[in-house]
PDB file of N, CA and C in Angstrom:
ATOM      1  N   UNK A   1      -9.098 -17.223   5.765  1.00  0.00           N
ATOM      2  CA  UNK A   1      -9.795 -16.129   5.107  1.00  0.00           C
ATOM      3  C   UNK A   1     -10.768 -15.534   6.120  1.00  0.00           C
ATOM      4  N   UNK A   2     -10.817 -14.239   6.188  1.00  0.00           N
ATOM      5  CA  UNK A   2     -11.758 -13.567   7.080  1.00  0.00           C
ATOM      6  C   UNK A   2     -13.189 -13.859   6.640  1.00  0.00           C
ATOM      7  N   UNK A   3     -14.039 -14.073   7.617  1.00  0.00           N
ATOM      8  CA  UNK A   3     -15.429 -14.411   7.298  1.00  0.00           C
ATOM      9  C   UNK A   3     -16.090 -13.327   6.462  1.00  0.00           C
ATOM     10  N   UNK A   4     -15.783 -12.082   6.730  1.00  0.00           N
ATOM     11  CA  UNK A   4     -16.419 -11.010   5.964  1.00  0.00           C
ATOM     12  C   UNK A   4     -15.993 -11.047   4.494  1.00  0.00           C
ATOM     13  N   UNK A   5     -14.734 -11.373   4.231  1.00  0.00           N
ATOM     14  CA  UNK A   5     -14.276 -11.487   2.843  1.00  0.00           C
ATOM     15  C   UNK A   5     -14.979 -12.661   2.169  1.00  0.00           C
ATOM     16  N   UNK A   6     -15.067 -13.777   2.872  1.00  0.00           N
ATOM     17  CA  UNK A   6     -15.783 -14.955   2.361  1.00  0.00           C
ATOM     18  C   UNK A   6     -17.222 -14.564   2.009  1.00  0.00           C
ATOM     19  N   UNK A   7     -17.882 -13.873   2.907  1.00  0.00           N
ATOM     20  CA  UNK A   7     -19.275 -13.461   2.680  1.00  0.00           C
ATOM     21  C   UNK A   7     -19.383 -12.498   1.501  1.00  0.00           C
ATOM     22  N   UNK A   8     -18.424 -11.603   1.362  1.00  0.00           N
ATOM     23  CA  UNK A   8     -18.427 -10.665   0.236  1.00  0.00           C
ATOM     24  C   UNK A   8     -18.303 -11.407  -1.093  1.00  0.00           C
ATOM     25  N   UNK A   9     -17.417 -12.382  -1.139  1.00  0.00           N
ATOM     26  CA  UNK A   9     -17.207 -13.141  -2.375  1.00  0.00           C
ATOM     27  C   UNK A   9     -18.454 -13.940  -2.721  1.00  0.00           C
ATOM     28  N   UNK A  10     -19.031 -14.611  -1.730  1.00  0.00           N
ATOM     29  CA  UNK A  10     -20.233 -15.409  -1.975  1.00  0.00           C
ATOM     30  C   UNK A  10     -21.386 -14.513  -2.424  1.00  0.00           C
ATOM     31  N   UNK A  11     -21.528 -13.374  -1.780  1.00  0.00           N
ATOM     32  CA  UNK A  11     -22.587 -12.440  -2.159  1.00  0.00           C
ATOM     33  C   UNK A  11     -22.404 -11.965  -3.604  1.00  0.00           C
ATOM     34  N   UNK A  12     -21.172 -11.609  -3.946  1.00  0.00           N
ATOM     35  CA  UNK A  12     -20.886 -11.170  -5.318  1.00  0.00           C
ATOM     36  C   UNK A  12     -21.123 -12.307  -6.310  1.00  0.00           C
ATOM     37  N   UNK A  13     -20.735 -13.520  -5.948  1.00  0.00           N
ATOM     38  CA  UNK A  13     -20.977 -14.690  -6.800  1.00  0.00           C
ATOM     39  C   UNK A  13     -22.474 -14.875  -7.041  1.00  0.00           C
ATOM     40  N   UNK A  14     -23.247 -14.804  -5.968  1.00  0.00           N
ATOM     41  CA  UNK A  14     -24.695 -15.008  -6.095  1.00  0.00           C
ATOM     42  C   UNK A  14     -25.355 -13.935  -6.954  1.00  0.00           C
ATOM     43  N   UNK A  15     -24.828 -12.727  -6.929  1.00  0.00           N
ATOM     44  CA  UNK A  15     -25.395 -11.637  -7.730  1.00  0.00           C
ATOM     45  C   UNK A  15     -24.952 -11.687  -9.185  1.00  0.00           C
ATOM     46  N   UNK A  16     -23.687 -12.058  -9.414  1.00  0.00           N
ATOM     47  CA  UNK A  16     -23.132 -11.881 -10.756  1.00  0.00           C
ATOM     48  C   UNK A  16     -22.934 -13.155 -11.559  1.00  0.00           C
ATOM     49  N   UNK A  17     -22.670 -14.261 -10.895  1.00  0.00           N
ATOM     50  CA  UNK A  17     -22.355 -15.501 -11.601  1.00  0.00           C
ATOM     51  C   UNK A  17     -23.523 -16.473 -11.573  1.00  0.00           C
ATOM     52  N   UNK A  18     -24.098 -16.669 -10.419  1.00  0.00           N
ATOM     53  CA  UNK A  18     -25.122 -17.691 -10.243  1.00  0.00           C
ATOM     54  C   UNK A  18     -26.310 -17.564 -11.206  1.00  0.00           C
ATOM     55  N   UNK A  19     -26.800 -16.362 -11.497  1.00  0.00           N
ATOM     56  CA  UNK A  19     -27.919 -16.275 -12.452  1.00  0.00           C
ATOM     57  C   UNK A  19     -27.573 -16.863 -13.828  1.00  0.00           C
ATOM     58  N   UNK A  20     -26.345 -16.648 -14.271  1.00  0.00           N
ATOM     59  CA  UNK A  20     -25.914 -17.205 -15.563  1.00  0.00           C
ATOM     60  C   UNK A  20     -25.796 -18.723 -15.488  1.00  0.00           C
ATOM     61  N   UNK A  21     -25.215 -19.207 -14.391  1.00  0.00           N
ATOM     62  CA  UNK A  21     -25.028 -20.647 -14.222  1.00  0.00           C
ATOM     63  C   UNK A  21     -26.377 -21.353 -14.122  1.00  0.00           C
ATOM     64  N   UNK A  22     -27.337 -20.725 -13.482  1.00  0.00           N
ATOM     65  CA  UNK A  22     -28.672 -21.321 -13.336  1.00  0.00           C
ATOM     66  C   UNK A  22     -29.329 -21.520 -14.700  1.00  0.00           C
ATOM     67  N   UNK A  23     -29.000 -20.646 -15.631  1.00  0.00           N
ATOM     68  CA  UNK A  23     -29.542 -20.771 -16.993  1.00  0.00           C
ATOM     69  C   UNK A  23     -28.664 -21.641 -17.885  1.00  0.00           C
ATOM     70  N   UNK A  24     -27.532 -22.097 -17.341  1.00  0.00           N
ATOM     71  CA  UNK A  24     -26.611 -22.912 -18.132  1.00  0.00           C
ATOM     72  C   UNK A  24     -25.795 -22.100 -19.120  1.00  0.00           C
ATOM     73  N   UNK A  25     -25.686 -20.799 -18.881  1.00  0.00           N
ATOM     74  CA  UNK A  25     -24.972 -19.904 -19.788  1.00  0.00           C
ATOM     75  C   UNK A  25     -23.540 -19.691 -19.293  1.00  0.00           C
ATOM     76  N   UNK A  26     -22.700 -20.688 -19.513  1.00  0.00           N
ATOM     77  CA  UNK A  26     -21.322 -20.620 -19.042  1.00  0.00           C
ATOM     78  C   UNK A  26     -20.523 -19.496 -19.691  1.00  0.00           C
ATOM     79  N   UNK A  27     -20.836 -19.182 -20.950  1.00  0.00           N
ATOM     80  CA  UNK A  27     -20.116 -18.099 -21.630  1.00  0.00           C
ATOM     81  C   UNK A  27     -20.356 -16.762 -20.938  1.00  0.00           C
ATOM     82  N   UNK A  28     -21.582 -16.539 -20.483  1.00  0.00           N
ATOM     83  CA  UNK A  28     -21.887 -15.288 -19.785  1.00  0.00           C
ATOM     84  C   UNK A  28     -21.315 -15.292 -18.368  1.00  0.00           C
ATOM     85  N   UNK A  29     -21.201 -16.466 -17.764  1.00  0.00           N
ATOM     86  CA  UNK A  29     -20.681 -16.561 -16.400  1.00  0.00           C
ATOM     87  C   UNK A  29     -19.171 -16.335 -16.344  1.00  0.00           C
ATOM     88  N   UNK A  30     -18.469 -16.696 -17.385  1.00  0.00           N
ATOM     89  CA  UNK A  30     -17.009 -16.621 -17.385  1.00  0.00           C
ATOM     90  C   UNK A  30     -16.472 -15.224 -17.068  1.00  0.00           C
ATOM     91  N   UNK A  31     -16.960 -14.153 -17.710  1.00  0.00           N
ATOM     92  CA  UNK A  31     -16.445 -12.825 -17.367  1.00  0.00           C
ATOM     93  C   UNK A  31     -16.756 -12.422 -15.927  1.00  0.00           C
ATOM     94  N   UNK A  32     -17.888 -12.880 -15.417  1.00  0.00           N
ATOM     95  CA  UNK A  32     -18.246 -12.565 -14.032  1.00  0.00           C
ATOM     96  C   UNK A  32     -17.304 -13.273 -13.062  1.00  0.00           C
ATOM     97  N   UNK A  33     -16.957 -14.516 -13.364  1.00  0.00           N
ATOM     98  CA  UNK A  33     -15.995 -15.244 -12.532  1.00  0.00           C
ATOM     99  C   UNK A  33     -14.629 -14.567 -12.610  1.00  0.00           C
ATOM    100  N   UNK A  34     -14.222 -14.159 -13.797  1.00  0.00           N
ATOM    101  CA  UNK A  34     -12.934 -13.483 -13.957  1.00  0.00           C
ATOM    102  C   UNK A  34     -12.911 -12.178 -13.170  1.00  0.00           C
ATOM    103  N   UNK A  35     -14.009 -11.464 -13.150  1.00  0.00           N
ATOM    104  CA  UNK A  35     -14.085 -10.218 -12.385  1.00  0.00           C
ATOM    105  C   UNK A  35     -13.913 -10.489 -10.887  1.00  0.00           C
ATOM    106  N   UNK A  36     -14.501 -11.587 -10.403  1.00  0.00           N
ATOM    107  CA  UNK A  36     -14.311 -11.953  -8.989  1.00  0.00           C
ATOM    108  C   UNK A  36     -12.848 -12.246  -8.696  1.00  0.00           C
ATOM    109  N   UNK A  37     -12.210 -12.994  -9.581  1.00  0.00           N
ATOM    110  CA  UNK A  37     -10.803 -13.323  -9.403  1.00  0.00           C
ATOM    111  C   UNK A  37      -9.949 -12.056  -9.444  1.00  0.00           C
ATOM    112  N   UNK A  38     -10.248 -11.164 -10.362  1.00  0.00           N
ATOM    113  CA  UNK A  38      -9.493  -9.914 -10.465  1.00  0.00           C
ATOM    114  C   UNK A  38      -9.634  -9.071  -9.210  1.00  0.00           C
ATOM    115  N   UNK A  39     -10.813  -9.079  -8.634  1.00  0.00           N
ATOM    116  CA  UNK A  39     -11.071  -8.241  -7.462  1.00  0.00           C
ATOM    117  C   UNK A  39     -10.540  -8.853  -6.167  1.00  0.00           C
ATOM    118  N   UNK A  40     -10.760 -10.152  -5.976  1.00  0.00           N
ATOM    119  CA  UNK A  40     -10.453 -10.781  -4.688  1.00  0.00           C
ATOM    120  C   UNK A  40      -9.226 -11.696  -4.707  1.00  0.00           C
ATOM    121  N   UNK A  41      -8.794 -12.096  -5.879  1.00  0.00           N
ATOM    122  CA  UNK A  41      -7.655 -13.004  -5.975  1.00  0.00           C
ATOM    123  C   UNK A  41      -8.111 -14.441  -6.146  1.00  0.00           C
ATOM    124  N   UNK A  42      -7.293 -15.195  -6.856  1.00  0.00           N
ATOM    125  CA  UNK A  42      -7.639 -16.575  -7.185  1.00  0.00           C
ATOM    126  C   UNK A  42      -7.868 -17.420  -5.944  1.00  0.00           C
ATOM    127  N   UNK A  43      -6.952 -17.365  -5.005  1.00  0.00           N
ATOM    128  CA  UNK A  43      -7.032 -18.218  -3.806  1.00  0.00           C
ATOM    129  C   UNK A  43      -8.277 -17.899  -2.981  1.00  0.00           C
ATOM    130  N   UNK A  44      -8.581 -16.628  -2.785  1.00  0.00           N
ATOM    131  CA  UNK A  44      -9.743 -16.248  -1.984  1.00  0.00           C
ATOM    132  C   UNK A  44     -11.039 -16.709  -2.643  1.00  0.00           C
ATOM    133  N   UNK A  45     -11.140 -16.548  -3.960  1.00  0.00           N
ATOM    134  CA  UNK A  45     -12.349 -16.981  -4.673  1.00  0.00           C
ATOM    135  C   UNK A  45     -12.450 -18.504  -4.638  1.00  0.00           C
ATOM    136  N   UNK A  46     -11.350 -19.181  -4.865  1.00  0.00           N
ATOM    137  CA  UNK A  46     -11.355 -20.641  -4.818  1.00  0.00           C
ATOM    138  C   UNK A  46     -11.789 -21.139  -3.436  1.00  0.00           C
ATOM    139  N   UNK A  47     -11.241 -20.566  -2.382  1.00  0.00           N
ATOM    140  CA  UNK A  47     -11.607 -20.973  -1.022  1.00  0.00           C
ATOM    141  C   UNK A  47     -13.077 -20.712  -0.729  1.00  0.00           C
ATOM    142  N   UNK A  48     -13.564 -19.557  -1.123  1.00  0.00           N
ATOM    143  CA  UNK A  48     -14.964 -19.214  -0.858  1.00  0.00           C
ATOM    144  C   UNK A  48     -15.908 -20.132  -1.617  1.00  0.00           C
ATOM    145  N   UNK A  49     -15.621 -20.395  -2.881  1.00  0.00           N
ATOM    146  CA  UNK A  49     -16.505 -21.245  -3.680  1.00  0.00           C
ATOM    147  C   UNK A  49     -16.408 -22.711  -3.252  1.00  0.00           C
ATOM    148  N   UNK A  50     -15.241 -23.132  -2.823  1.00  0.00           N
ATOM    149  CA  UNK A  50     -15.109 -24.488  -2.279  1.00  0.00           C
ATOM    150  C   UNK A  50     -15.975 -24.621  -1.029  1.00  0.00           C
ATOM    151  N   UNK A  51     -15.948 -23.611  -0.180  1.00  0.00           N
ATOM    152  CA  UNK A  51     -16.792 -23.619   1.006  1.00  0.00           C
ATOM    153  C   UNK A  51     -18.267 -23.630   0.661  1.00  0.00           C
ATOM    154  N   UNK A  52     -18.643 -22.894  -0.376  1.00  0.00           N
ATOM    155  CA  UNK A  52     -20.037 -22.859  -0.807  1.00  0.00           C
ATOM    156  C   UNK A  52     -20.485 -24.227  -1.317  1.00  0.00           C
ATOM    157  N   UNK A  53     -19.661 -24.865  -2.121  1.00  0.00           N
ATOM    158  CA  UNK A  53     -19.978 -26.200  -2.641  1.00  0.00           C
ATOM    159  C   UNK A  53     -20.097 -27.190  -1.486  1.00  0.00           C
ATOM    160  N   UNK A  54     -19.177 -27.121  -0.544  1.00  0.00           N
ATOM    161  CA  UNK A  54     -19.221 -28.012   0.616  1.00  0.00           C
ATOM    162  C   UNK A  54     -20.516 -27.805   1.396  1.00  0.00           C
ATOM    163  N   UNK A  55     -20.914 -26.555   1.560  1.00  0.00           N
ATOM    164  CA  UNK A  55     -22.161 -26.232   2.263  1.00  0.00           C
ATOM    165  C   UNK A  55     -23.359 -26.871   1.550  1.00  0.00           C
ATOM    166  N   UNK A  56     -23.416 -26.722   0.224  1.00  0.00           N
ATOM    167  CA  UNK A  56     -24.513 -27.308  -0.545  1.00  0.00           C
ATOM    168  C   UNK A  56     -24.497 -28.837  -0.469  1.00  0.00           C
ATOM    169  N   UNK A  57     -23.311 -29.427  -0.495  1.00  0.00           N
ATOM    170  CA  UNK A  57     -23.216 -30.882  -0.405  1.00  0.00           C
ATOM    171  C   UNK A  57     -23.715 -31.381   0.950  1.00  0.00           C
ATOM    172  N   UNK A  58     -23.427 -30.658   2.004  1.00  0.00           N
ATOM    173  CA  UNK A  58     -23.906 -31.037   3.332  1.00  0.00           C
ATOM    174  C   UNK A  58     -25.420 -30.982   3.407  1.00  0.00           C
ATOM    175  N   UNK A  59     -26.005 -30.031   2.674  1.00  0.00           N
ATOM    176  CA  UNK A  59     -27.461 -29.876   2.667  1.00  0.00           C
ATOM    177  C   UNK A  59     -28.127 -30.732   1.593  1.00  0.00           C
ATOM    178  N   UNK A  60     -27.320 -31.457   0.825  1.00  0.00           N
ATOM    179  CA  UNK A  60     -27.824 -32.307  -0.268  1.00  0.00           C
ATOM    180  C   UNK A  60     -28.650 -31.527  -1.283  1.00  0.00           C
ATOM    181  N   UNK A  61     -28.148 -30.361  -1.668  1.00  0.00           N
ATOM    182  CA  UNK A  61     -28.868 -29.542  -2.642  1.00  0.00           C
ATOM    183  C   UNK A  61     -28.329 -29.759  -4.028  1.00  0.00           C
TER     184      UNK A  61
END
């Protein structure tokens, strides 16, 4: 995956999904996640979010 696409997905996730997840509002997060998948594709979103989780795990956050 191109780094710029990865960065775009993560940026969009942080703007649209993360605020809902931080509040524990999974119902509100679901449409935002679906919008990411619709825009970027399942594989690209999965790869980007897997990378984000791995990054957080390395930092012990």
